[in-house]
C-alpha atoms as a PDB file:
ATOM      1  CA  MET A   1      21.864  -1.328  -3.542  1.00  0.00           C
ATOM      2  CA  THR A   2      20.860  -4.224  -1.321  1.00  0.00           C
ATOM      3  CA  GLU A   3      20.156  -1.771   1.505  1.00  0.00           C
ATOM      4  CA  THR A   4      17.883   0.324  -0.733  1.00  0.00           C
ATOM      5  CA  THR A   5      15.964  -2.758  -1.868  1.00  0.00           C
ATOM      6  CA  LEU A   6      15.591  -4.102   1.666  1.00  0.00           C
ATOM      7  CA  ILE A   7      14.441  -0.752   3.055  1.00  0.00           C
ATOM      8  CA  ALA A   8      11.990  -0.272   0.172  1.00  0.00           C
ATOM      9  CA  LEU A   9      10.561  -3.799   0.503  1.00  0.00           C
ATOM     10  CA  THR A  10      10.175  -3.448   4.268  1.00  0.00           C
ATOM     11  CA  THR A  11       8.642   0.009   4.005  1.00  0.00           C
ATOM     12  CA  PHE A  12       6.140  -0.961   1.315  1.00  0.00           C
ATOM     13  CA  PHE A  13       5.299  -4.202   3.122  1.00  0.00           C
ATOM     14  CA  ALA A  14       4.557  -2.197   6.266  1.00  0.00           C
ATOM     15  CA  THR A  15       2.632   0.632   4.596  1.00  0.00           C
ATOM     16  CA  ILE A  16       0.604  -1.450   2.151  1.00  0.00           C
ATOM     17  CA  GLY A  17       0.147  -4.438   4.471  1.00  0.00           C
ATOM     18  CA  PRO A  18      -0.508  -7.317   2.043  1.00  0.00           C
ATOM     19  CA  LEU A  19      -1.861  -9.555   4.824  1.00  0.00           C
ATOM     20  CA  ASP A  20      -4.221  -6.834   6.060  1.00  0.00           C
ATOM     21  CA  VAL A  21      -5.427  -6.203   2.511  1.00  0.00           C
ATOM     22  CA  ALA A  22      -5.963  -9.944   1.995  1.00  0.00           C
ATOM     23  CA  ALA A  23      -7.973 -10.208   5.220  1.00  0.00           C
ATOM     24  CA  MET A  24     -10.102  -7.206   4.258  1.00  0.00           C
ATOM     25  CA  PHE A  25     -10.514  -8.641   0.769  1.00  0.00           C
ATOM     26  CA  ALA A  26     -11.701 -11.981   2.186  1.00  0.00           C
ATOM     27  CA  ALA A  27     -14.209 -10.266   4.445  1.00  0.00           C
ATOM     28  CA  LEU A  28     -15.571  -7.956   1.743  1.00  0.00           C
ATOM     29  CA  THR A  29     -15.863 -10.561  -1.017  1.00  0.00           C
ATOM     30  CA  GLN A  30     -17.413 -13.489   0.841  1.00  0.00           C
ATOM     31  CA  LYS A  31     -20.510 -13.480  -1.376  1.00  0.00           C
ATOM     32  CA  ASN A  32     -18.620 -13.180  -4.670  1.00  0.00           C
ATOM     33  CA  THR A  33     -17.758 -16.114  -6.924  1.00  0.00           C
ATOM     34  CA  ALA A  34     -14.144 -17.247  -7.302  1.00  0.00           C
ATOM     35  CA  ARG A  35     -14.059 -15.717 -10.787  1.00  0.00           C
ATOM     36  CA  GLU A  36     -15.339 -12.354  -9.517  1.00  0.00           C
ATOM     37  CA  ARG A  37     -12.793 -12.427  -6.683  1.00  0.00           C
ATOM     38  CA  ARG A  38      -9.902 -13.078  -9.105  1.00  0.00           C
ATOM     39  CA  ALA A  39     -11.059 -10.227 -11.350  1.00  0.00           C
ATOM     40  CA  MET A  40     -11.374  -7.865  -8.392  1.00  0.00           C
ATOM     41  CA  ALA A  41      -7.950  -8.883  -7.014  1.00  0.00           C
ATOM     42  CA  LEU A  42      -6.365  -8.079 -10.368  1.00  0.00           C
ATOM     43  CA  LYS A  43      -8.241  -4.787 -10.625  1.00  0.00           C
ATOM     44  CA  VAL A  44      -7.238  -3.807  -7.064  1.00  0.00           C
ATOM     45  CA  SER A  45      -3.576  -4.540  -7.747  1.00  0.00           C
ATOM     46  CA  LEU A  46      -3.454  -2.730 -11.072  1.00  0.00           C
ATOM     47  CA  ILE A  47      -5.368   0.299  -9.849  1.00  0.00           C
ATOM     48  CA  GLY A  48      -3.758   0.495  -6.414  1.00  0.00           C
ATOM     49  CA  GLY A  49      -0.283  -0.070  -7.756  1.00  0.00           C
ATOM     50  CA  GLY A  50      -0.439   2.123 -10.793  1.00  0.00           C
ATOM     51  CA  ILE A  51      -3.237   4.231 -12.162  1.00  0.00           C
ATOM     52  CA  LEU A  52      -4.460   5.878  -8.970  1.00  0.00           C
ATOM     53  CA  LEU A  53      -0.919   6.511  -7.795  1.00  0.00           C
ATOM     54  CA  LEU A  54      -0.257   8.350 -11.063  1.00  0.00           C
ATOM     55  CA  LEU A  55      -3.447  10.392 -10.707  1.00  0.00           C
ATOM     56  CA  ILE A  56      -2.531  11.284  -7.131  1.00  0.00           C
ATOM     57  CA  ALA A  57       0.937  12.375  -8.277  1.00  0.00           C
ATOM     58  CA  ILE A  58      -0.577  14.580 -10.979  1.00  0.00           C
ATOM     59  CA  ASP A  59      -2.948  16.146  -8.449  1.00  0.00           C
ATOM     60  CA  MET A  60      -0.002  16.764  -6.105  1.00  0.00           C
ATOM     61  CA  VAL A  61       1.904  18.507  -8.878  1.00  0.00           C
ATOM     62  CA  PHE A  62      -1.057  20.807  -9.491  1.00  0.00           C
ATOM     63  CA  ALA A  63      -1.767  21.180  -5.726  1.00  0.00           C
ATOM     64  CA  ARG A  64      -5.307  19.819  -6.088  1.00  0.00           C
ATOM     65  CA  ASP A  65      -7.108  17.657  -3.546  1.00  0.00           C
ATOM     66  CA  SER A  66      -8.234  14.577  -5.444  1.00  0.00           C
ATOM     67  CA  GLY A  67      -9.992  12.997  -2.487  1.00  0.00           C
ATOM     68  CA  SER A  68      -7.962   9.876  -3.139  1.00  0.00           C
ATOM     69  CA  THR A  69      -7.003   9.352   0.476  1.00  0.00           C
ATOM     70  CA  SER A  70     -10.446  10.018   1.889  1.00  0.00           C
ATOM     71  CA  THR A  71     -13.984   9.394   0.771  1.00  0.00           C
ATOM     72  CA  THR A  72     -17.077  11.485   0.433  1.00  0.00           C
ATOM     73  CA  ASP A  73     -20.368  10.430   2.032  1.00  0.00           C
ATOM     74  CA  GLN A  74     -21.695   9.604  -1.431  1.00  0.00           C
ATOM     75  CA  GLU A  75     -18.678   7.368  -2.192  1.00  0.00           C
ATOM     76  CA  GLN A  76     -19.094   5.614   1.153  1.00  0.00           C
ATOM     77  CA  LYS A  77     -22.790   4.870   0.462  1.00  0.00           C
ATOM     78  CA  GLU A  78     -21.975   3.627  -3.034  1.00  0.00           C
ATOM     79  CA  ALA A  79     -19.243   1.344  -1.726  1.00  0.00           C
ATOM     80  CA  GLU A  80     -21.571  -0.166   0.858  1.00  0.00           C
ATOM     81  CA  ALA A  81     -24.173  -0.925  -1.826  1.00  0.00           C
ATOM     82  CA  LYS A  82     -21.748  -2.285  -4.452  1.00  0.00           C
ATOM     83  CA  GLN A  83     -20.482  -5.811  -4.855  1.00  0.00           C
ATOM     84  CA  ASP A  84     -17.202  -4.621  -6.432  1.00  0.00           C
ATOM     85  CA  VAL A  85     -14.996  -3.242  -3.675  1.00  0.00           C
ATOM     86  CA  SER A  86     -11.834  -3.112  -5.744  1.00  0.00           C
ATOM     87  CA  VAL A  87     -11.516   0.662  -6.164  1.00  0.00           C
ATOM     88  CA  PHE A  88     -12.807   1.606  -2.721  1.00  0.00           C
ATOM     89  CA  PRO A  89     -11.865   0.632  -0.064  1.00  0.00           C
ATOM     90  CA  LEU A  90      -9.195  -1.749  -1.377  1.00  0.00           C
ATOM     91  CA  ALA A  91      -7.204   0.090  -4.066  1.00  0.00           C
ATOM     92  CA  THR A  92      -7.551   3.346  -2.177  1.00  0.00           C
ATOM     93  CA  PRO A  93      -6.924   3.966   0.571  1.00  0.00           C
ATOM     94  CA  LEU A  94      -5.585   0.500   1.517  1.00  0.00           C
ATOM     95  CA  ILE A  95      -2.988  -0.076  -1.216  1.00  0.00           C
ATOM     96  CA  ALA A  96      -2.440   3.406  -2.632  1.00  0.00           C
ATOM     97  CA  GLY A  97      -2.955   5.165   0.675  1.00  0.00           C
ATOM     98  CA  PRO A  98      -1.104   8.006   2.314  1.00  0.00           C
ATOM     99  CA  GLY A  99       1.464   5.704   3.916  1.00  0.00           C
ATOM    100  CA  ALA A 100       2.484   4.015   0.672  1.00  0.00           C
ATOM    101  CA  ILE A 101       2.471   7.283  -1.243  1.00  0.00           C
ATOM    102  CA  GLY A 102       4.529   9.021   1.431  1.00  0.00           C
ATOM    103  CA  ALA A 103       6.950   6.099   1.540  1.00  0.00           C
ATOM    104  CA  ALA A 104       7.356   6.171  -2.237  1.00  0.00           C
ATOM    105  CA  ILE A 105       8.085   9.893  -2.171  1.00  0.00           C
ATOM    106  CA  LEU A 106      10.617   9.530   0.674  1.00  0.00           C
ATOM    107  CA  LEU A 107      12.404   6.562  -0.877  1.00  0.00           C
ATOM    108  CA  VAL A 108      12.646   8.124  -4.333  1.00  0.00           C
ATOM    109  CA  SER A 109      13.848  11.442  -2.915  1.00  0.00           C
ATOM    110  CA  LYS A 110      16.469   9.564  -0.871  1.00  0.00           C
ATOM    111  CA  ALA A 111      17.743   8.038  -4.142  1.00  0.00           C
ATOM    112  CA  GLN A 112      18.739  11.581  -5.205  1.00  0.00           C
ATOM    113  CA  GLY A 113      18.207  10.978  -8.920  1.00  0.00           C
ATOM    114  CA  ASP A 114      20.175   7.711  -9.056  1.00  0.00           C
ATOM    115  CA  THR A 115      18.201   5.760 -11.672  1.00  0.00           C
ATOM    116  CA  VAL A 116      19.392   2.388 -10.368  1.00  0.00           C
ATOM    117  CA  GLU A 117      18.190   3.173  -6.838  1.00  0.00           C
ATOM    118  CA  ILE A 118      14.897   4.587  -8.140  1.00  0.00           C
ATOM    119  CA  SER A 119      14.456   1.401 -10.194  1.00  0.00           C
ATOM    120  CA  LEU A 120      15.061  -0.669  -7.055  1.00  0.00           C
ATOM    121  CA  VAL A 121      12.379   1.308  -5.186  1.00  0.00           C
ATOM    122  CA  ILE A 122       9.905   0.832  -8.047  1.00  0.00           C
ATOM    123  CA  GLY A 123      10.808  -2.853  -8.238  1.00  0.00           C
ATOM    124  CA  ALA A 124      10.201  -3.229  -4.504  1.00  0.00           C
ATOM    125  CA  LEU A 125       6.822  -1.495  -4.828  1.00  0.00           C
ATOM    126  CA  LEU A 126       5.844  -3.790  -7.694  1.00  0.00           C
ATOM    127  CA  ALA A 127       6.995  -6.845  -5.722  1.00  0.00           C
ATOM    128  CA  ILE A 128       4.810  -5.889  -2.747  1.00  0.00           C
ATOM    129  CA  VAL A 129       1.818  -5.166  -5.002  1.00  0.00           C
ATOM    130  CA  LEU A 130       2.354  -8.588  -6.632  1.00  0.00           C
ATOM    131  CA  MET A 131       2.539 -10.175  -3.161  1.00  0.00           C
ATOM    132  CA  THR A 132      -0.671  -8.375  -2.235  1.00  0.00           C
ATOM    133  CA  PHE A 133      -2.354  -9.682  -5.400  1.00  0.00           C
ATOM    134  CA  LEU A 134      -1.264 -13.262  -4.670  1.00  0.00           C
ATOM    135  CA  LEU A 135      -2.408 -13.021  -1.052  1.00  0.00           C
ATOM    136  CA  MET A 136      -5.797 -11.706  -2.203  1.00  0.00           C
ATOM    137  CA  LEU A 137      -6.116 -14.774  -4.418  1.00  0.00           C
ATOM    138  CA  LEU A 138      -5.381 -16.894  -1.332  1.00  0.00           C
ATOM    139  CA  ALA A 139      -7.230 -14.602   1.090  1.00  0.00           C
ATOM    140  CA  THR A 140      -9.678 -17.152   2.462  1.00  0.00           C
ATOM    141  CA  GLN A 141      -6.926 -19.687   3.118  1.00  0.00           C
ATOM    142  CA  VAL A 142      -4.657 -17.052   4.703  1.00  0.00           C
ATOM    143  CA  GLN A 143      -7.472 -15.885   6.943  1.00  0.00           C
ATOM    144  CA  LYS A 144      -8.267 -19.451   8.035  1.00  0.00           C
ATOM    145  CA  LEU A 145      -4.582 -20.275   8.597  1.00  0.00           C
ATOM    146  CA  LEU A 146      -3.712 -17.202  10.666  1.00  0.00           C
ATOM    147  CA  GLY A 147      -7.044 -16.492  12.307  1.00  0.00           C
ATOM    148  CA  VAL A 148      -7.984 -13.129  13.755  1.00  0.00           C
ATOM    149  CA  THR A 149      -5.318 -13.290  16.466  1.00  0.00           C
ATOM    150  CA  GLY A 150      -2.585 -14.230  13.987  1.00  0.00           C
ATOM    151  CA  LEU A 151      -3.510 -11.340  11.698  1.00  0.00           C
ATOM    152  CA  HIS A 152      -3.459  -8.947  14.663  1.00  0.00           C
ATOM    153  CA  VAL A 153      -0.038 -10.190  15.779  1.00  0.00           C
ATOM    154  CA  ILE A 154       1.383  -9.715  12.272  1.00  0.00           C
ATOM    155  CA  SER A 155      -0.203  -6.281  12.058  1.00  0.00           C
ATOM    156  CA  ARG A 156       1.406  -5.238  15.358  1.00  0.00           C
ATOM    157  CA  VAL A 157       4.840  -6.556  14.390  1.00  0.00           C
ATOM    158  CA  VAL A 158       4.632  -4.717  11.070  1.00  0.00           C
ATOM    159  CA  GLY A 159       3.554  -1.603  12.988  1.00  0.00           C
ATOM    160  CA  VAL A 160       6.709  -1.784  15.089  1.00  0.00           C
ATOM    161  CA  LEU A 161       8.807  -2.176  11.911  1.00  0.00           C
ATOM    162  CA  LEU A 162       7.056   0.807  10.363  1.00  0.00           C
ATOM    163  CA  ALA A 163       7.644   2.908  13.480  1.00  0.00           C
ATOM    164  CA  GLY A 164      11.360   2.100  13.332  1.00  0.00           C
ATOM    165  CA  LEU A 165      11.534   3.031   9.659  1.00  0.00           C
ATOM    166  CA  ALA A 166       9.618   6.265  10.299  1.00  0.00           C
ATOM    167  CA  VAL A 167      12.026   7.290  13.065  1.00  0.00           C
ATOM    168  CA  GLN A 168      14.977   6.538  10.773  1.00  0.00           C
ATOM    169  CA  PHE A 169      13.400   8.676   8.018  1.00  0.00           C
ATOM    170  CA  ILE A 170      12.954  11.517  10.523  1.00  0.00           C
ATOM    171  CA  PHE A 171      16.588  11.296  11.656  1.00  0.00           C
ATOM    172  CA  ASP A 172      17.794  11.133   8.035  1.00  0.00           C
ATOM    173  CA  GLY A 173      15.679  14.177   7.184  1.00  0.00           C
ATOM    174  CA  ILE A 174      17.046  16.189  10.113  1.00  0.00           C
ATOM    175  CA  GLN A 175      20.616  15.176   9.298  1.00  0.00           C
ATOM    176  CA  ASN A 176      20.229  16.069   5.602  1.00  0.00           C
ATOM    177  CA  SER A 177      18.408  19.326   6.297  1.00  0.00           C
ATOM    178  CA  GLY A 178      21.511  21.099   7.540  1.00  0.00           C
ATOM    179  CA  LEU A 179      19.762  22.240  10.715  1.00  0.00           C
ATOM    180  CA  LEU A 180      22.345  20.597  12.937  1.00  0.00           C
ATOM    181  CA  ASN A 181      25.422  21.942  11.148  1.00  0.00           C
END
């Protein structure tokens, strides 16, 4: 169980990137009041961590393209003109993006119906979304503390972690596929 939790936490940390989201949040909400920023951070976390993920899952079940991982030209123009950036680009595609969704699908399928392991994966996802929320609340301080170079270093280290996890998922998939037997 500890292995499942650790893998899920690491995977979600790498795919969601709480520090990257916080840096983007700080940059996009510079002109907003502290109250508006708190409200947007909560909205981002709730939407990114829950509602949009559910809608994406429903669309996947019905094989429909929801546009949740990409934006239309009209959505892009609206986002540029709006003060509230919580739905786009923060909730999707940054938090509930293809990487996090793919990771969730892989981790839950690896649990093979074991409700305890699935609960651990969901718990890890919620923990990372909570971390992302808290870092958004502290986004300006985090950005000042780490600076641009510090954020880039963290992003690269997390990228290496994610690459290692992706390779492991590929090997696990090949091994479990029965192709090598």
